[in-house]
Amino acid sequence: VQVTPEVMKKVVDKENGSHYLLSISNIENGKIVVTEENLINPQQKWVKNYEVQPGDVLVTARGAFKCAIVGESFPKAIASLCCSFIPSISHA
């Protein structure tokens, strides 16, 4: 999902956010690392189209190549435009 700065101000919720917004900076050494800074309350269309699931592969769409696999116990998250995701076979 592409989130403008104006929209980001409306959806960011470091205390009660339901999802993490994933970007290039969240992929470190093949792992997905998130903090409360990434917590948002996403629009429903984002959940429908960009929510990652266990087994999905995240790949950076810009900058240095990075990739990571979403783990089974990973919290709810939305892939930003900078992170493409390849759905796992189980929910493709």
Protein backbone atom coordinates (compact mmCIF):
# COMPACT_ATOMS: atom_id res chain seq x y z
CA VAL A 1 0.00 0.00 0.00
CA GLN A 2 1.18 3.53 -0.70
CA VAL A 3 0.58 5.81 2.27
CA THR A 4 0.96 9.56 1.90
CA PRO A 5 2.27 11.59 4.86
CA GLU A 6 -1.20 13.10 5.33
CA VAL A 7 -2.86 9.67 5.52
CA MET A 8 -0.08 8.33 7.75
CA LYS A 9 -0.85 11.02 10.33
CA LYS A 10 -4.44 9.74 10.47
CA VAL A 11 -3.69 6.01 10.75
CA VAL A 12 -0.63 5.87 13.01
CA ASP A 13 -1.52 4.62 16.51
CA LYS A 14 1.50 3.61 18.59
CA GLU A 15 -0.63 2.53 21.54
CA ASN A 16 -3.68 0.79 20.05
CA GLY A 17 -2.80 0.04 16.43
CA SER A 18 -4.09 -3.28 15.10
CA HIS A 19 -1.43 -3.80 12.39
CA TYR A 20 2.20 -3.01 11.68
CA LEU A 21 3.09 -1.14 8.49
CA LEU A 22 6.09 -2.86 6.94
CA SER A 23 8.70 -1.03 4.89
CA ILE A 24 12.25 -1.65 3.69
CA SER A 25 13.67 -0.67 7.08
CA ASN A 26 11.74 -3.48 8.79
CA ILE A 27 13.73 -6.18 6.98
CA GLU A 28 17.05 -6.82 8.70
CA ASN A 29 19.29 -9.80 7.98
CA GLY A 30 16.42 -11.88 6.59
CA LYS A 31 14.09 -11.16 9.52
CA ILE A 32 11.16 -8.78 9.95
CA VAL A 33 11.71 -6.38 12.85
CA VAL A 34 8.90 -4.09 14.04
CA THR A 35 8.41 -1.55 16.83
CA GLU A 36 5.48 0.45 18.16
CA GLU A 37 6.55 3.19 15.70
CA ASN A 38 5.14 0.93 12.96
CA LEU A 39 1.68 0.46 14.54
CA ILE A 40 -1.32 1.70 12.55
CA ASN A 41 -5.06 1.28 12.26
CA PRO A 42 -5.30 0.47 8.55
CA GLN A 43 -8.12 1.19 6.16
CA GLN A 44 -10.19 -1.95 5.44
CA LYS A 45 -9.13 -2.00 1.78
CA TRP A 46 -5.51 -2.21 2.94
CA VAL A 47 -6.29 -5.26 5.06
CA LYS A 48 -8.06 -6.93 2.15
CA ASN A 49 -5.29 -6.28 -0.38
CA TYR A 50 -2.01 -5.90 1.52
CA GLU A 51 -2.22 -7.87 4.79
CA VAL A 52 0.63 -10.36 4.97
CA GLN A 53 0.08 -13.93 6.11
CA PRO A 54 2.39 -16.58 7.57
CA GLY A 55 4.57 -18.03 4.84
CA ASP A 56 4.44 -14.91 2.63
CA VAL A 57 7.78 -13.74 1.28
CA LEU A 58 8.55 -10.02 1.59
CA VAL A 59 10.89 -8.57 -1.02
CA THR A 60 12.06 -4.98 -1.21
CA ALA A 61 10.77 -3.15 -4.26
CA ARG A 62 13.31 -0.32 -4.00
CA GLY A 63 16.87 0.21 -2.88
CA ALA A 64 19.07 -2.64 -1.69
CA PHE A 65 17.69 -6.15 -2.13
CA LYS A 66 16.29 -7.60 1.08
CA CYS A 67 13.86 -10.43 1.71
CA ALA A 68 12.22 -12.24 4.63
CA ILE A 69 9.52 -14.83 5.24
CA VAL A 70 6.55 -13.96 7.47
CA GLY A 71 6.64 -16.35 10.43
CA GLU A 72 3.72 -18.36 11.83
CA SER A 73 3.39 -16.21 14.94
CA PHE A 74 4.04 -12.85 13.27
CA PRO A 75 1.50 -10.16 14.27
CA LYS A 76 -0.93 -8.62 11.80
CA ALA A 77 0.89 -6.44 9.27
CA ILE A 78 0.41 -4.51 6.05
CA ALA A 79 3.06 -4.44 3.31
CA SER A 80 3.92 -0.93 2.13
CA LEU A 81 4.61 -0.09 -1.49
CA CYS A 82 8.33 -0.44 -0.80
CA CYS A 83 7.86 -4.10 0.19
CA SER A 84 6.24 -6.40 -2.30
CA PHE A 85 4.98 -9.69 -1.00
CA ILE A 86 4.62 -13.08 -2.61
CA PRO A 87 1.69 -14.96 -1.05
CA SER A 88 2.38 -18.40 0.32
CA ILE A 89 0.83 -21.30 -1.54
CA SER A 90 -1.56 -21.99 1.34
CA HIS A 91 -3.56 -18.80 0.70
CA ALA A 92 -2.62 -17.82 -2.85
